[in-house]
Protein backbone atom coordinates (compact mmCIF):
# COMPACT_ATOMS: atom_id res chain seq x y z
CA UNK A 1 228.53 127.38 54.72
CA UNK A 2 228.95 128.17 58.50
CA UNK A 3 226.38 125.28 59.07
CA UNK A 4 228.81 122.55 57.55
CA UNK A 5 231.27 123.28 60.77
CA UNK A 6 228.78 122.64 63.61
CA UNK A 7 230.37 119.78 66.18
CA UNK A 8 229.22 121.06 69.29
CA UNK A 9 225.83 119.13 70.16
CA UNK A 10 224.02 122.26 71.67
CA UNK A 11 224.99 124.10 68.48
CA UNK A 12 222.63 121.92 66.66
CA UNK A 13 220.36 122.14 69.51
CA UNK A 14 220.25 125.75 68.73
CA UNK A 15 219.82 125.64 64.79
CA UNK A 16 217.00 123.56 65.65
CA UNK A 17 215.26 125.32 68.25
CA UNK A 18 215.73 128.69 67.57
CA UNK A 19 215.82 129.84 71.04
CA UNK A 20 217.66 128.04 73.99
CA UNK A 21 218.20 128.59 77.93
CA UNK A 22 221.52 127.47 79.49
CA UNK A 23 220.46 126.95 82.95
CA UNK A 24 222.71 125.36 86.12
CA UNK A 25 224.28 126.32 89.08
CA UNK A 26 226.33 129.78 89.88
CA UNK A 27 229.86 129.46 88.33
CA UNK A 28 229.02 126.42 85.93
CA UNK A 29 230.34 128.50 83.30
CA UNK A 30 227.07 128.74 81.30
CA UNK A 31 228.34 132.32 79.57
CA UNK A 32 231.28 130.81 78.85
CA UNK A 33 229.51 128.31 76.77
CA UNK A 34 227.24 130.31 75.45
CA UNK A 35 229.74 132.90 73.74
CA UNK A 36 231.65 129.33 72.22
CA UNK A 37 228.32 127.93 70.58
CA UNK A 38 227.79 131.60 69.52
CA UNK A 39 231.42 131.45 68.19
CA UNK A 40 230.57 128.56 65.83
CA UNK A 41 227.94 129.00 64.59
CA UNK A 42 229.36 132.20 62.99
CA UNK A 43 232.60 131.13 62.32
CA UNK A 44 233.87 133.53 64.80
CA UNK A 45 232.44 136.50 63.42
CA UNK A 46 231.84 139.06 65.78
CA UNK A 47 229.62 141.29 63.86
CA UNK A 48 226.78 138.69 63.83
CA UNK A 49 227.11 138.23 67.87
CA UNK A 50 225.16 140.03 69.84
CA UNK A 51 225.04 140.27 73.47
CA UNK A 52 223.47 141.82 76.77
CA UNK A 53 223.16 141.15 80.30
CA UNK A 54 219.29 141.62 82.15
CA UNK A 55 218.76 143.54 85.15
CA UNK A 56 215.59 144.65 87.15
CA UNK A 57 215.59 148.30 85.50
CA UNK A 58 216.25 146.77 82.02
CA UNK A 59 213.11 147.45 79.40
CA UNK A 60 211.65 147.35 76.17
CA UNK A 61 213.22 150.78 75.21
CA UNK A 62 216.50 149.79 75.88
CA UNK A 63 215.90 146.45 74.24
CA UNK A 64 213.33 146.70 70.68
CA UNK A 65 213.13 150.90 70.77
CA UNK A 66 212.50 153.97 72.73
CA UNK A 67 212.65 157.71 72.74
CA UNK A 68 216.17 158.88 73.87
CA UNK A 69 217.19 162.40 75.11
CA UNK A 70 219.63 163.71 72.80
CA UNK A 71 221.35 167.48 72.55
CA UNK A 72 221.20 169.58 69.10
CA UNK A 73 224.08 171.22 69.69
CA UNK A 74 222.54 174.40 71.22
CA UNK A 75 222.38 172.95 74.59
CA UNK A 76 218.80 171.97 74.09
CA UNK A 77 217.58 168.40 74.93
CA UNK A 78 215.23 166.89 72.34
CA UNK A 79 213.94 163.04 72.67
CA UNK A 80 214.68 160.99 69.41
CA UNK A 81 213.40 157.59 68.72
CA UNK A 82 216.25 155.07 68.80
CA UNK A 83 216.46 151.31 68.08
CA UNK A 84 217.06 149.28 71.04
CA UNK A 85 220.13 146.44 70.66
CA UNK A 86 217.70 143.58 69.88
CA UNK A 87 216.32 145.62 66.82
CA UNK A 88 219.25 146.94 65.59
CA UNK A 89 220.85 142.95 65.54
CA UNK A 90 217.81 141.81 63.65
CA UNK A 91 217.76 144.65 61.17
CA UNK A 92 221.59 143.55 60.34
CA UNK A 93 220.33 139.96 60.23
CA UNK A 94 217.52 140.82 57.89
CA UNK A 95 219.77 142.68 55.41
CA UNK A 96 221.82 139.24 55.31
CA UNK A 97 218.81 137.08 54.67
CA UNK A 98 217.67 139.77 52.21
CA UNK A 99 220.64 139.86 50.11
CA UNK A 100 221.23 135.73 50.10
CA UNK A 101 217.43 135.53 48.80
CA UNK A 102 217.82 137.68 45.79
CA UNK A 103 218.39 136.70 42.32
CA UNK A 104 221.65 137.04 40.96
CA UNK A 105 220.50 139.48 38.43
CA UNK A 106 219.43 141.87 40.77
CA UNK A 107 222.41 141.12 42.98
CA UNK A 108 224.36 142.55 40.44
CA UNK A 109 222.74 145.78 39.33
CA UNK A 110 222.51 146.58 43.06
CA UNK A 111 226.49 145.92 43.28
CA UNK A 112 226.98 148.63 40.56
CA UNK A 113 224.91 151.06 41.66
CA UNK A 114 226.05 150.99 45.47
CA UNK A 115 229.79 151.38 43.82
CA UNK A 116 228.45 154.48 41.93
CA UNK A 117 227.00 156.11 44.44
CA UNK A 118 230.08 154.88 47.34
CA UNK A 119 232.35 156.70 43.83
CA UNK A 120 230.74 159.39 43.92
CA UNK A 121 231.19 160.58 47.60
CA UNK A 122 234.15 159.58 48.56
CA UNK A 123 235.56 161.95 46.01
CA UNK A 124 233.98 164.63 47.36
CA UNK A 125 235.17 167.08 50.16
CA UNK A 126 232.35 168.30 53.16
CA UNK A 127 231.48 170.75 53.80
CA UNK A 128 231.22 171.80 50.44
CA UNK A 129 231.49 175.34 48.80
CA UNK A 130 230.27 173.62 45.30
CA UNK A 131 226.60 174.66 45.03
CA UNK A 132 224.27 172.66 43.00
CA UNK A 133 221.24 173.85 41.08
CA UNK A 134 218.50 172.30 39.33
CA UNK A 135 215.43 174.70 38.17
CA UNK A 136 213.94 175.81 41.32
CA UNK A 137 216.21 174.23 43.54
CA UNK A 138 219.82 174.33 44.91
CA UNK A 139 221.73 173.04 48.00
CA UNK A 140 224.76 172.30 49.10
CA UNK A 141 225.84 169.09 50.27
CA UNK A 142 227.18 169.44 53.84
CA UNK A 143 227.87 166.38 55.42
CA UNK A 144 227.42 162.57 54.83
CA UNK A 145 227.17 159.47 56.99
CA UNK A 146 226.36 156.05 56.98
CA UNK A 147 222.68 156.51 56.26
CA UNK A 148 222.16 159.98 55.09
CA UNK A 149 223.24 163.15 52.94
CA UNK A 150 222.86 166.45 54.80
CA UNK A 151 222.42 169.04 52.54
CA UNK A 152 221.89 172.72 53.45
CA UNK A 153 219.09 174.75 51.45
CA UNK A 154 219.42 178.35 51.14
CA UNK A 155 215.91 179.75 50.93
CA UNK A 156 215.32 183.85 51.13
CA UNK A 157 218.86 184.50 52.06
CA UNK A 158 217.98 181.61 55.68
CA UNK A 159 219.53 178.24 54.92
CA UNK A 160 217.50 175.46 55.54
CA UNK A 161 218.92 171.68 56.86
CA UNK A 162 217.75 168.88 55.84
CA UNK A 163 218.84 164.85 55.32
CA UNK A 164 218.10 162.40 52.53
CA UNK A 165 218.63 159.14 53.18
CA UNK A 166 221.29 157.06 50.82
CA UNK A 167 219.20 153.87 50.59
CA UNK A 168 216.49 155.87 48.59
CA UNK A 169 219.41 156.97 46.31
CA UNK A 170 220.51 153.79 45.67
CA UNK A 171 216.81 152.91 45.33
CA UNK A 172 216.82 155.22 42.33
CA UNK A 173 219.92 154.08 40.61
CA UNK A 174 219.10 150.78 41.35
CA UNK A 175 215.64 151.33 39.08
CA UNK A 176 217.57 153.62 36.78
CA UNK A 177 215.58 155.58 34.41
CA UNK A 178 212.16 154.24 35.55
CA UNK A 179 212.85 157.08 38.27
CA UNK A 180 212.73 159.88 36.01
CA UNK A 181 209.27 159.12 34.73
CA UNK A 182 207.63 157.75 37.92
CA UNK A 183 204.07 158.86 38.81
CA UNK A 184 204.27 157.74 42.17
CA UNK A 185 207.41 158.93 44.01
CA UNK A 186 206.36 157.28 47.18
CA UNK A 187 207.36 153.85 45.99
CA UNK A 188 210.96 155.28 46.51
CA UNK A 189 210.46 157.17 50.20
CA UNK A 190 207.27 155.44 51.97
CA UNK A 191 205.75 158.53 52.59
CA UNK A 192 203.92 160.70 51.50
CA UNK A 193 205.00 163.96 52.03
CA UNK A 194 207.86 163.02 49.62
CA UNK A 195 207.02 165.61 46.90
CA UNK A 196 208.95 168.26 48.54
CA UNK A 197 211.57 166.57 48.73
CA UNK A 198 211.72 165.14 45.39
CA UNK A 199 213.45 167.91 43.38
CA UNK A 200 216.67 167.38 45.85
CA UNK A 201 216.68 163.58 45.31
CA UNK A 202 216.11 164.16 41.69
CA UNK A 203 219.10 166.97 41.14
CA UNK A 204 221.38 164.42 43.10
CA UNK A 205 220.32 161.49 41.10
CA UNK A 206 220.62 163.10 38.09
CA UNK A 207 224.29 164.40 39.36
CA UNK A 208 225.61 160.78 39.98
CA UNK A 209 224.29 159.66 36.87
CA UNK A 210 225.72 162.26 34.96
CA UNK A 211 229.16 161.95 36.55
CA UNK A 212 231.28 160.46 34.39
CA UNK A 213 232.11 157.53 36.71
CA UNK A 214 233.28 153.86 35.46
CA UNK A 215 231.36 151.14 37.11
CA UNK A 216 233.22 149.51 39.45
CA UNK A 217 231.50 146.01 40.91
CA UNK A 218 231.94 145.89 44.72
CA UNK A 219 231.46 142.48 46.12
CA UNK A 220 228.16 141.98 48.30
CA UNK A 221 228.53 138.96 50.70
CA UNK A 222 225.58 137.21 49.84
CA UNK A 223 225.97 134.35 51.57
CA UNK A 224 223.43 133.50 54.41
CA UNK A 225 224.58 133.66 57.97
CA UNK A 226 223.48 133.14 61.53
CA UNK A 227 223.26 135.85 64.08
CA UNK A 228 223.43 134.57 67.72
CA UNK A 229 222.19 137.03 69.93
CA UNK A 230 223.32 136.24 73.80
CA UNK A 231 220.93 137.10 77.16
CA UNK A 232 222.95 136.67 79.92
CA UNK A 233 221.32 136.46 83.49
CA UNK A 234 217.74 136.50 81.40
CA UNK A 235 215.57 135.74 84.36
CA UNK A 236 217.07 138.67 86.13
CA UNK A 237 215.38 140.72 84.03
CA UNK A 238 211.19 141.45 83.52
CA UNK A 239 210.86 139.85 80.66
CA UNK A 240 207.38 140.17 79.25
CA UNK A 241 207.80 143.97 80.04
CA UNK A 242 211.62 143.71 78.29
CA UNK A 243 210.02 141.96 75.08
CA UNK A 244 206.89 143.68 75.03
CA UNK A 245 204.92 142.56 71.69
CA UNK A 246 208.16 140.51 70.56
CA UNK A 247 206.87 137.97 72.61
CA UNK A 248 204.79 137.15 69.74
CA UNK A 249 207.48 136.94 66.90
CA UNK A 250 209.88 135.35 69.29
CA UNK A 251 207.74 131.86 69.08
CA UNK A 252 210.19 129.50 66.91
CA UNK A 253 207.20 129.25 64.45
CA UNK A 254 206.93 132.32 64.06
CA UNK A 255 210.10 133.85 62.76
CA UNK A 256 210.48 135.75 59.57
CA UNK A 257 207.27 137.97 58.20
CA UNK A 258 204.47 136.15 59.33
CA UNK A 259 205.97 137.00 63.14
CA UNK A 260 205.72 140.72 61.82
CA UNK A 261 204.33 143.19 64.53
CA UNK A 262 203.46 146.94 64.73
CA UNK A 263 205.92 147.90 68.07
CA UNK A 264 205.03 150.38 70.25
CA UNK A 265 206.42 153.43 68.84
CA UNK A 266 205.00 152.47 65.29
CA UNK A 267 202.96 155.79 65.01
CA UNK A 268 206.68 157.57 65.16
CA UNK A 269 208.16 155.54 62.54
CA UNK A 270 208.71 156.93 58.79
CA UNK A 271 207.13 154.09 57.30
CA UNK A 272 204.77 151.55 58.30
CA UNK A 273 206.74 148.77 57.70
CA UNK A 274 206.55 146.29 60.47
CA UNK A 275 208.99 144.36 62.47
CA UNK A 276 209.96 140.80 62.91
CA UNK A 277 212.80 138.58 63.67
CA UNK A 278 214.71 136.80 60.62
CA UNK A 279 215.51 133.13 60.23
CA UNK A 280 219.17 133.30 60.58
CA UNK A 281 218.60 134.77 64.46
CA UNK A 282 219.45 132.61 67.43
CA UNK A 283 218.72 133.39 70.95
CA UNK A 284 220.78 131.96 73.50
CA UNK A 285 219.48 132.79 77.31
CA UNK A 286 221.43 131.77 80.52
CA UNK A 287 220.25 131.93 84.04
CA UNK A 288 221.12 130.25 87.59
CA UNK A 289 218.45 127.85 89.02
CA UNK A 290 218.77 129.18 92.49
CA UNK A 291 218.55 132.66 91.89
CA UNK A 292 215.41 134.07 93.87
CA UNK A 293 216.15 137.34 94.00
CA UNK A 294 213.75 138.18 90.27
CA UNK A 295 211.73 135.26 89.12
CA UNK A 296 209.37 136.59 86.21
CA UNK A 297 210.16 133.74 83.44
CA UNK A 298 206.46 132.99 82.98
CA UNK A 299 205.13 130.21 81.35
CA UNK A 300 204.34 131.12 77.72
CA UNK A 301 207.43 132.57 77.76
CA UNK A 302 209.34 129.44 78.95
CA UNK A 303 207.32 127.31 76.42
CA UNK A 304 209.02 129.42 73.55
CA UNK A 305 212.09 128.40 74.88
CA UNK A 306 214.17 125.02 74.63
CA UNK A 307 216.19 124.85 78.14
CA UNK A 308 219.19 122.42 78.97
CA UNK A 309 220.99 122.30 82.11
CA UNK A 310 224.53 122.79 82.57
CA UNK A 311 225.98 121.02 85.06
CA UNK A 312 229.74 121.47 87.09
CA UNK A 313 230.79 118.15 85.82
CA UNK A 314 230.28 118.71 82.35
CA UNK A 315 231.88 122.12 82.45
CA UNK A 316 235.08 120.84 84.17
CA UNK A 317 236.98 121.29 80.89
CA UNK A 318 237.09 124.64 81.77
CA UNK A 319 239.55 124.17 84.16
CA UNK A 320 241.92 122.23 81.69
CA UNK A 321 242.35 125.31 79.67
CA UNK A 322 242.46 127.77 82.47
CA UNK A 323 244.84 126.10 85.13
CA UNK A 324 247.09 123.49 82.62
CA UNK A 325 248.62 120.66 85.13
CA UNK A 326 246.92 122.50 87.82
CA UNK A 327 243.58 121.68 86.88
CA UNK A 328 243.84 118.12 88.27
CA UNK A 329 243.96 118.89 91.79
CA UNK A 330 241.54 121.63 91.21
CA UNK A 331 238.81 118.95 89.99
CA UNK A 332 239.49 116.90 92.67
CA UNK A 333 238.56 118.99 95.55
CA UNK A 334 235.90 120.50 93.27
CA UNK A 335 234.04 116.91 92.60
CA UNK A 336 234.82 116.17 96.58
CA UNK A 337 232.88 119.32 97.55
CA UNK A 338 230.06 119.12 95.40
CA UNK A 339 229.48 115.24 96.63
CA UNK A 340 229.28 116.58 99.66
CA UNK A 341 226.51 119.53 98.82
CA UNK A 342 224.45 116.97 97.56
CA UNK A 343 225.00 115.09 100.97
CA UNK A 344 223.30 118.01 102.69
CA UNK A 345 219.84 117.23 103.43
CA UNK A 346 218.42 121.66 102.44
CA UNK A 347 220.70 121.33 99.30
CA UNK A 348 221.11 119.44 95.77
CA UNK A 349 222.70 119.09 92.64
CA UNK A 350 221.48 122.92 91.72
CA UNK A 351 223.76 124.11 94.56
CA UNK A 352 226.72 122.83 93.08
CA UNK A 353 229.85 124.88 92.90
CA UNK A 354 230.89 125.74 89.67
CA UNK A 355 234.20 125.77 87.79
CA UNK A 356 234.30 129.04 87.24
CA UNK A 357 235.12 130.06 90.88
CA UNK A 358 238.52 127.80 91.02
CA UNK A 359 239.44 130.01 87.51
CA UNK A 360 240.57 132.54 90.25
CA UNK A 361 243.26 130.10 91.74
CA UNK A 362 245.71 131.86 89.15
CA UNK A 363 245.48 134.89 90.62
CA UNK A 364 245.77 133.67 93.93
CA UNK A 365 248.70 131.71 93.20
CA UNK A 366 247.27 128.44 93.71
CA UNK A 367 246.44 129.53 97.59
CA UNK A 368 243.33 127.07 98.29
CA UNK A 369 242.78 128.77 101.94
CA UNK A 370 242.17 132.27 100.34
CA UNK A 371 240.00 130.53 97.58
CA UNK A 372 238.05 129.01 100.30
CA UNK A 373 237.30 131.85 102.78
CA UNK A 374 236.54 135.01 99.95
CA UNK A 375 235.23 133.02 97.38
CA UNK A 376 233.66 129.77 98.43
CA UNK A 377 232.56 130.10 102.31
CA UNK A 378 230.60 133.31 101.54
CA UNK A 379 229.01 131.50 98.81
CA UNK A 380 227.93 127.97 100.66
CA UNK A 381 227.12 130.30 104.16
CA UNK A 382 224.26 131.78 101.60
CA UNK A 383 222.99 128.63 101.00
CA UNK A 384 222.96 127.44 104.30
CA UNK A 385 221.77 130.07 106.63
CA UNK A 386 218.63 129.36 108.42
CA UNK A 387 219.33 125.91 108.04
CA UNK A 388 219.77 123.70 111.07
CA UNK A 389 223.46 123.81 112.45
CA UNK A 390 224.90 126.27 109.78
CA UNK A 391 228.60 125.74 111.32
CA UNK A 392 228.52 122.02 111.59
CA UNK A 393 227.59 121.60 107.84
CA UNK A 394 230.26 124.64 106.48
CA UNK A 395 232.65 122.25 108.65
CA UNK A 396 231.89 119.30 106.69
CA UNK A 397 232.00 121.12 103.30
CA UNK A 398 235.25 122.56 104.39
CA UNK A 399 236.55 119.32 104.89
CA UNK A 400 235.33 117.65 101.42
CA UNK A 401 237.21 120.80 100.23
CA UNK A 402 240.16 120.15 101.74
CA UNK A 403 240.55 116.41 100.55
CA UNK A 404 243.39 116.31 97.66
CA UNK A 405 242.49 112.73 96.59
CA UNK A 406 239.49 111.01 95.40
CA UNK A 407 238.44 110.00 99.49
CA UNK A 408 235.03 111.25 99.14
CA UNK A 409 234.30 108.37 96.72
CA UNK A 410 236.50 105.99 98.25
CA UNK A 411 234.56 106.54 101.67
CA UNK A 412 231.21 106.22 100.11
CA UNK A 413 232.02 102.88 98.20
CA UNK A 414 233.22 101.74 101.77
CA UNK A 415 230.20 103.13 103.71
CA UNK A 416 228.24 100.93 101.00
CA UNK A 417 230.32 97.96 101.98
CA UNK A 418 229.62 98.32 105.15
CA UNK A 419 226.09 98.63 104.89
CA UNK A 420 226.04 95.10 102.29
CA UNK A 421 227.98 93.44 105.42
CA UNK A 422 225.03 94.69 107.76
CA UNK A 423 222.55 93.53 104.95
CA UNK A 424 224.08 89.62 104.94
CA UNK A 425 224.66 89.82 108.91
CA UNK A 426 220.73 90.84 109.48
CA UNK A 427 219.79 88.32 106.41
């Protein structure tokens, strides 16, 4: 089980809280850390990790679902309802959740059925010239993909195209002979106009059933897995607009079916099935504390996330990983610079410089002057713009950055001692 190999304390926090925000100064490696946590919780399986970066023009149709323009092949553009990245991710996690909770007999029956249908279509060439006939129904199978079997139905010398859902055929095979005698066939199709397609499904079902295919057991992984979705720069998007009614479902207390909602495009769905965020979905957001460009993280949404501050100091191990032996000097300069930043009246620890900036040293051939002039100075100029005596402040920060020993700390100790002596003299 993936839960047995958890070592990072933040991984355990995410497992408990379901939704986690990593907040901190720019360049502290929040995204790097989010990916590390995701890799640990999923055993390194990238199929179980989703990633998106929010921005001001990102919206509900990108994230949950929406109408998307598609070409029908004749140069005509149509609009088609498509799932957004997060909904698609949740449906994948839901499939795993459902398989992991099936009893053994149902699972074995399903394995056999899926193996049979897979084997049947694996031996077929497309497009096919073989015409299948059953009563008044005849059709040609022209194509197959992951979700549908596409068929051509010759009617009065005019060919109509249709598609049949593979999962409906799997449902028929799983239910075995019940399908042939079932009265309410809508239980397979979840829609009222199913009768017109019934004969095609029945024909296909009989073909597969009667084919002399030896049952082959395939493996369906029914171990419950963690699915981790990372939202980078979560506060740069308009969160209420992006999540829509999932604002309710995202609450850790409403995971699973009890958090079911009808989405905004529910009237366009083929089924009336509601959407929910499964229990095995975990969300990590990252945000900069000082990003003033967008501030849409309302209090109700904040309540649904657990916030953890990522400090520059806690992430210094990134420099060891990236720079090796050269990390020592980089860490000293970084610490001295951050100590100086905290001493500036208008600034505080939220304005610390993160280790990600110093990872650039490798490609700069360890030229600290270029790191300062091209990466750090422009950022620090933004920090102190409009404050009293900008030039002098930048000079102080540059001096701190140039210190290659722990002189800042030593200087601070010396200042304290001097203060103590003055106190004694006063006393």
